[in-house]
Protein backbone atom coordinates (compact mmCIF):
# COMPACT_ATOMS: atom_id res chain seq x y z
CA MET A 1 11.11 18.90 47.10
CA THR A 2 14.45 20.66 47.49
CA LYS A 3 16.07 20.14 50.86
CA ALA A 4 17.14 23.13 52.93
CA LYS A 5 20.91 23.48 53.22
CA VAL A 6 22.54 23.74 56.66
CA LEU A 7 26.15 24.67 57.36
CA VAL A 8 27.70 23.50 60.64
CA LEU A 9 30.56 25.66 61.93
CA GLY A 10 31.63 24.17 65.22
CA GLU A 11 32.68 21.08 67.09
CA LEU A 12 29.25 19.45 67.25
CA ARG A 13 28.81 15.81 68.16
CA GLN A 14 28.24 14.13 64.81
CA ASP A 15 25.87 11.52 66.26
CA VAL A 16 23.18 14.16 66.83
CA LEU A 17 23.02 15.20 63.16
CA GLU A 18 21.26 12.10 61.79
CA ASP A 19 17.68 13.42 62.01
CA LEU A 20 18.71 16.74 60.51
CA LYS A 21 20.54 14.97 57.66
CA GLU A 22 17.36 13.06 56.79
CA LYS A 23 15.45 16.30 56.18
CA CYS A 24 18.19 18.74 55.18
CA GLU A 25 21.44 18.81 53.26
CA VAL A 26 24.08 19.20 55.98
CA VAL A 27 27.63 20.38 55.30
CA ILE A 28 30.38 20.44 57.92
CA GLY A 29 32.43 23.58 57.40
CA PRO A 30 35.60 24.90 59.06
CA GLU A 31 35.42 25.29 62.82
CA GLY A 32 36.96 28.74 63.07
CA HIS A 33 40.33 27.83 64.55
CA ARG A 34 42.20 29.49 61.66
CA MET A 35 40.00 32.55 61.93
CA LYS A 36 41.11 34.44 58.80
CA ASP A 37 41.23 31.49 56.38
CA ASP A 38 38.12 29.82 57.80
CA ARG A 39 36.16 33.06 57.69
CA GLN A 40 37.03 33.62 54.05
CA TRP A 41 35.84 30.12 53.19
CA VAL A 42 32.51 30.83 54.86
CA LEU A 43 32.19 34.22 53.15
CA ASP A 44 32.73 32.48 49.81
CA HIS A 45 30.14 29.74 50.45
CA ILE A 46 27.52 31.04 52.90
CA ALA A 47 25.18 32.36 50.18
CA ASP A 48 24.00 28.82 49.43
CA TYR A 49 22.73 28.03 52.92
CA ASP A 50 19.34 28.37 54.62
CA GLY A 51 20.60 27.69 58.15
CA VAL A 52 23.87 27.78 60.02
CA ILE A 53 25.12 26.57 63.40
CA VAL A 54 28.05 28.71 64.52
CA ALA A 55 30.29 28.21 67.54
CA LYS A 56 33.10 30.78 67.50
CA MET A 57 33.15 32.54 64.16
CA ILE A 58 32.09 36.20 64.03
CA PHE A 59 28.80 36.70 62.20
CA ASP A 60 28.88 40.45 61.59
CA ARG A 61 27.32 42.60 58.86
CA GLU A 62 29.79 41.44 56.24
CA MET A 63 28.99 37.80 56.91
CA ILE A 64 25.24 38.39 57.10
CA ASP A 65 25.26 40.37 53.84
CA ALA A 66 27.04 37.47 52.16
CA ALA A 67 24.39 35.05 53.44
CA LYS A 68 21.82 35.80 50.73
CA ASN A 69 19.50 32.87 51.51
CA LEU A 70 20.06 32.54 55.25
CA LYS A 71 16.94 32.22 57.36
CA ILE A 72 18.24 31.10 60.75
CA ILE A 73 21.46 31.21 62.78
CA SER A 74 21.84 29.00 65.83
CA THR A 75 24.71 29.62 68.20
CA TYR A 76 26.52 26.69 69.76
CA GLY A 77 26.13 27.90 73.33
CA VAL A 78 24.17 30.39 75.38
CA GLY A 79 26.35 33.39 74.41
CA TYR A 80 25.59 35.28 71.20
CA ASP A 81 27.92 38.29 71.33
CA HIS A 82 29.71 36.97 68.21
CA VAL A 83 26.51 37.43 66.18
CA ASP A 84 25.09 40.81 65.14
CA THR A 85 21.58 39.92 66.24
CA GLU A 86 20.06 43.32 65.45
CA TYR A 87 21.36 43.37 61.89
CA ALA A 88 20.26 39.77 61.42
CA ALA A 89 16.74 40.78 62.51
CA LYS A 90 16.73 43.62 59.97
CA LYS A 91 17.59 41.07 57.30
CA GLY A 92 14.79 38.80 58.47
CA ILE A 93 17.15 36.20 59.92
CA VAL A 94 16.20 34.47 63.17
CA VAL A 95 18.96 34.01 65.75
CA SER A 96 18.54 31.29 68.38
CA ASN A 97 20.84 30.23 71.21
CA CYS A 98 21.21 27.20 73.50
CA PRO A 99 20.35 28.25 77.06
CA ILE A 100 19.31 24.91 78.53
CA SER A 101 22.20 22.51 78.06
CA VAL A 102 24.92 24.84 79.35
CA ARG A 103 23.12 25.82 82.55
CA ARG A 104 24.09 22.99 84.87
CA PRO A 105 27.71 22.42 83.79
CA THR A 106 28.55 26.12 83.81
CA ALA A 107 27.02 26.58 87.25
CA GLU A 108 28.97 23.54 88.45
CA LEU A 109 32.22 25.05 87.17
CA ALA A 110 31.47 28.35 88.90
CA LEU A 111 31.03 26.44 92.16
CA THR A 112 34.20 24.44 91.46
CA LEU A 113 36.26 27.60 90.94
CA LEU A 114 34.75 29.14 94.08
CA LEU A 115 35.63 26.13 96.22
CA ALA A 116 39.06 25.70 94.64
CA SER A 117 39.82 29.37 95.26
CA ALA A 118 38.64 29.25 98.86
CA ARG A 119 40.63 26.09 99.61
CA ARG A 120 43.71 27.30 97.65
CA VAL A 121 43.83 24.18 95.48
CA HIS A 122 46.18 25.64 92.86
CA PHE A 123 48.66 26.82 95.51
CA TYR A 124 48.66 23.43 97.22
CA ASP A 125 48.85 21.45 94.00
CA HIS A 126 51.78 23.27 92.46
CA SER A 127 53.66 23.38 95.78
CA ILE A 128 53.52 19.58 96.01
CA ARG A 129 54.55 19.24 92.35
CA GLU A 130 57.58 21.39 93.14
CA GLY A 131 58.52 19.11 96.02
CA VAL A 132 57.22 21.27 98.87
CA PHE A 133 54.85 19.62 101.36
CA LEU A 134 53.41 22.69 103.04
CA ASN A 135 52.85 22.89 106.77
CA VAL A 136 49.15 23.68 106.81
CA SER A 137 49.27 24.32 110.54
CA GLU A 138 50.79 27.66 109.61
CA TYR A 139 48.17 30.40 109.28
CA ASP A 140 49.53 31.69 105.96
CA ASN A 141 49.11 28.26 104.38
CA GLN A 142 45.45 27.87 105.32
CA GLY A 143 42.39 28.47 103.18
CA TYR A 144 38.96 29.96 103.74
CA THR A 145 35.67 28.53 104.98
CA ILE A 146 32.69 29.34 102.76
CA GLU A 147 29.88 28.57 105.26
CA GLY A 148 28.39 31.83 106.45
CA LYS A 149 30.18 33.85 103.77
CA THR A 150 28.39 36.10 101.30
CA LEU A 151 28.15 35.14 97.64
CA GLY A 152 27.43 38.04 95.32
CA ILE A 153 25.97 37.19 91.92
CA LEU A 154 26.10 39.64 89.02
CA GLY A 155 23.54 38.47 86.48
CA MET A 156 20.69 36.40 87.88
CA GLY A 157 19.62 34.44 84.82
CA ASN A 158 19.33 30.66 84.59
CA ILE A 159 22.97 29.99 85.45
CA GLY A 160 23.15 32.58 88.22
CA GLN A 161 20.01 31.16 89.80
CA LEU A 162 21.45 27.65 89.87
CA VAL A 163 24.68 28.95 91.42
CA ALA A 164 22.52 30.63 94.07
CA GLN A 165 20.87 27.30 94.86
CA PHE A 166 24.25 25.58 95.17
CA ALA A 167 25.57 28.31 97.45
CA SER A 168 22.50 28.31 99.68
CA ALA A 169 22.80 24.55 100.09
CA LEU A 170 26.39 25.09 101.31
CA GLY A 171 25.32 27.61 103.93
CA MET A 172 26.27 30.82 102.12
CA LYS A 173 24.31 34.06 102.20
CA VAL A 174 23.31 35.04 98.65
CA ILE A 175 22.92 38.57 97.33
CA TYR A 176 22.56 39.54 93.68
CA HIS A 177 22.36 42.41 91.23
CA ASN A 178 20.52 42.12 87.95
CA ARG A 179 18.97 44.40 85.34
CA HIS A 180 15.60 43.48 86.81
CA GLN A 181 14.79 42.30 90.31
CA LEU A 182 13.37 38.80 90.52
CA SER A 183 9.89 38.16 91.87
CA HIS A 184 9.53 37.90 95.63
CA GLU A 185 8.51 34.26 95.25
CA LEU A 186 11.64 33.39 93.24
CA GLU A 187 13.88 35.29 95.66
CA GLU A 188 12.43 33.25 98.52
CA LYS A 189 12.94 30.01 96.61
CA LEU A 190 16.59 30.91 95.94
CA SER A 191 17.17 32.46 99.40
CA ALA A 192 18.62 35.46 97.55
CA SER A 193 18.33 39.19 98.22
CA TYR A 194 18.48 41.94 95.61
CA VAL A 195 21.01 44.73 96.21
CA ASP A 196 22.38 47.62 94.18
CA PHE A 197 25.68 47.24 92.36
CA ASP A 198 27.76 49.13 94.93
CA THR A 199 26.41 47.01 97.79
CA LEU A 200 27.07 43.84 95.81
CA ILE A 201 30.72 44.83 95.35
CA LYS A 202 31.30 45.88 98.95
CA GLU A 203 29.59 42.99 100.73
CA SER A 204 30.60 39.97 98.61
CA ASP A 205 33.16 37.52 99.94
CA PHE A 206 32.90 35.76 96.59
CA LEU A 207 31.69 37.64 93.50
CA THR A 208 30.59 35.44 90.61
CA LEU A 209 29.77 36.83 87.16
CA HIS A 210 26.95 35.59 84.94
CA ALA A 211 26.08 38.68 82.89
CA PRO A 212 26.13 38.79 79.05
CA ALA A 213 28.79 40.63 77.05
CA THR A 214 27.34 43.99 75.99
CA GLU A 215 28.60 47.54 75.65
CA GLU A 216 27.12 48.24 79.08
CA THR A 217 28.91 45.34 80.76
CA LYS A 218 32.35 45.80 79.16
CA HIS A 219 34.86 46.21 82.01
CA ILE A 220 32.04 46.50 84.52
CA ILE A 221 34.58 44.94 86.90
CA ASN A 222 37.41 47.48 86.85
CA LYS A 223 40.02 49.11 89.08
CA ASP A 224 37.41 51.16 90.95
CA VAL A 225 35.43 48.01 91.68
CA PHE A 226 38.50 46.18 92.99
CA LYS A 227 39.29 49.08 95.34
CA ASN A 228 35.80 48.73 96.85
CA MET A 229 35.86 44.94 97.24
CA LYS A 230 36.93 43.23 100.43
CA THR A 231 40.63 42.41 100.55
CA THR A 232 39.56 38.84 101.39
CA ALA A 233 37.18 38.59 98.42
CA PHE A 234 37.52 36.34 95.37
CA LEU A 235 36.28 37.03 91.84
CA ILE A 236 34.81 34.14 89.81
CA ASN A 237 34.13 34.63 86.08
CA VAL A 238 32.51 31.95 83.93
CA ALA A 239 30.58 34.42 81.77
CA ARG A 240 32.59 36.51 79.30
CA GLY A 241 36.13 37.84 79.51
CA SER A 242 35.12 41.35 78.47
CA LEU A 243 33.30 41.88 81.79
CA VAL A 244 36.65 42.18 83.60
CA ASP A 245 39.50 44.62 83.03
CA GLU A 246 42.27 42.02 83.24
CA GLU A 247 45.06 44.54 83.76
CA ALA A 248 43.16 45.97 86.70
CA LEU A 249 42.51 42.45 88.03
CA ILE A 250 46.21 41.57 87.86
CA GLU A 251 47.15 44.72 89.75
CA ALA A 252 44.41 44.13 92.34
CA VAL A 253 45.63 40.59 93.03
CA LYS A 254 49.30 41.57 93.08
CA HIS A 255 48.69 44.39 95.56
CA GLY A 256 46.29 42.50 97.81
CA GLU A 257 43.19 44.51 96.95
CA ILE A 258 41.39 41.17 96.57
CA ALA A 259 42.40 37.67 97.66
CA GLY A 260 42.32 35.99 94.26
CA ALA A 261 40.23 34.84 91.31
CA GLY A 262 38.92 31.85 89.41
CA LEU A 263 38.68 32.48 85.67
CA ASP A 264 37.23 30.40 82.85
CA VAL A 265 37.02 33.25 80.31
CA TYR A 266 39.46 35.92 79.17
CA GLU A 267 39.62 39.20 77.29
CA ASP A 268 41.71 37.87 74.41
CA GLU A 269 40.90 34.19 74.14
CA PRO A 270 42.65 31.87 73.51
CA HIS A 271 45.57 34.08 74.51
CA ILE A 272 46.09 34.37 78.26
CA ASN A 273 47.87 37.30 79.84
CA PRO A 274 51.17 35.80 81.08
CA GLU A 275 50.90 37.83 84.29
CA LEU A 276 47.79 35.85 85.23
CA VAL A 277 49.71 32.60 84.85
CA LYS A 278 52.27 33.72 87.42
CA LEU A 279 49.72 34.27 90.20
CA ASP A 280 49.33 31.47 92.76
CA ASN A 281 45.96 32.75 93.88
CA VAL A 282 44.38 32.79 90.41
CA ILE A 283 42.91 29.56 89.03
CA LEU A 284 42.64 29.31 85.24
CA THR A 285 40.49 26.99 83.10
CA PRO A 286 40.18 27.05 79.26
CA HIS A 287 36.58 28.27 78.73
CA ALA A 288 35.39 24.88 79.90
CA GLY A 289 31.99 25.81 81.31
CA SER A 290 30.05 23.38 79.13
CA ALA A 291 32.93 20.94 78.61
CA THR A 292 31.53 17.68 79.93
CA HIS A 293 30.69 14.70 77.73
CA VAL A 294 26.99 14.87 78.56
CA ALA A 295 26.77 18.64 78.27
CA ARG A 296 28.42 18.77 74.85
CA TYR A 297 26.07 16.08 73.57
CA ASN A 298 23.09 18.02 74.91
CA LEU A 299 24.47 21.27 73.54
CA SER A 300 24.91 19.78 70.07
CA LYS A 301 21.38 18.41 70.23
CA GLU A 302 19.94 21.75 71.34
CA ALA A 303 21.65 23.62 68.50
CA VAL A 304 20.43 21.05 65.98
CA ASN A 305 16.89 21.25 67.40
CA ASN A 306 16.89 25.02 66.88
CA ILE A 307 17.58 24.49 63.16
CA TYR A 308 15.34 21.44 62.74
CA SER A 309 12.37 23.08 64.45
CA PHE A 310 12.64 26.15 62.23
CA LEU A 311 13.43 24.61 58.84
CA VAL A 312 11.46 21.35 59.14
CA ASP A 313 8.68 21.95 61.69
CA ASN A 314 8.23 25.68 60.99
CA LYS A 315 8.56 26.44 64.72
CA THR A 316 10.91 29.01 66.20
CA ILE A 317 12.52 28.11 69.53
CA ASN A 318 15.10 29.86 71.72
CA LYS A 319 14.83 33.01 69.61
CA ILE A 320 16.87 35.96 70.92
CA ASN A 321 16.22 38.65 68.30
């Protein structure tokens, strides 16, 4: 019996591939760092494969049309904006993502950025590295208490819900806005209250983003939003860079329209706007939401399980299209 062929395009942990290699022919392809050259290699070879795991590379119509035998695409993460899921569905190709393994580490990073922003960790750290031991008895050198403050969550999926639990445990009031309101029972469990978008923006002391990247959410956080936020508010984004108009964010921080931000994602990754780097009250991390040893192992395993279940067990899991 001919084995199904699987192409791996991403930095998966190799130790999770053994079971898949027993049942399928597995090829490790380019990871997508040299986007143009790597993409051309995949375009030239993708027709031979039944399944693919893709981390960063764009799987658009051109790529899908070249994939003559492809039956399933698994992303390497919860996000799938780099895959044309609708066109894949028209071609009869299943697209699955990895929503479980990234939930906890990404929520933890959101909380980390929130706390680091409130306690001005970047400002303190770089001041000491420059030889300045700040007098924290001075009002202007002090941070913010989060107990009793309002956390606003935009996007109340699995990650947003876990952030809500963390915040409630720390004594924060939690409000949220989502495409659909959660059940009353789940709201009670999370100690979270549904509000409209305008109320979310105006009442949040910390606004954390967990919405997907879509046409509707592109620049949903823009100059008008910043003008309506509290001047003491912080923006936390561990979702997708396209949700925030970075130029508007930079101007808002520079002019004191908001107090600062914690960012793990950017509009033009891996390129960071140099103006962001200059700001003491903006904390920057390199899209590290799932970047723990345990999480990356679990993420690799989840992506492999998507492919294995479909091609070997004839079961579809984590399907998004």
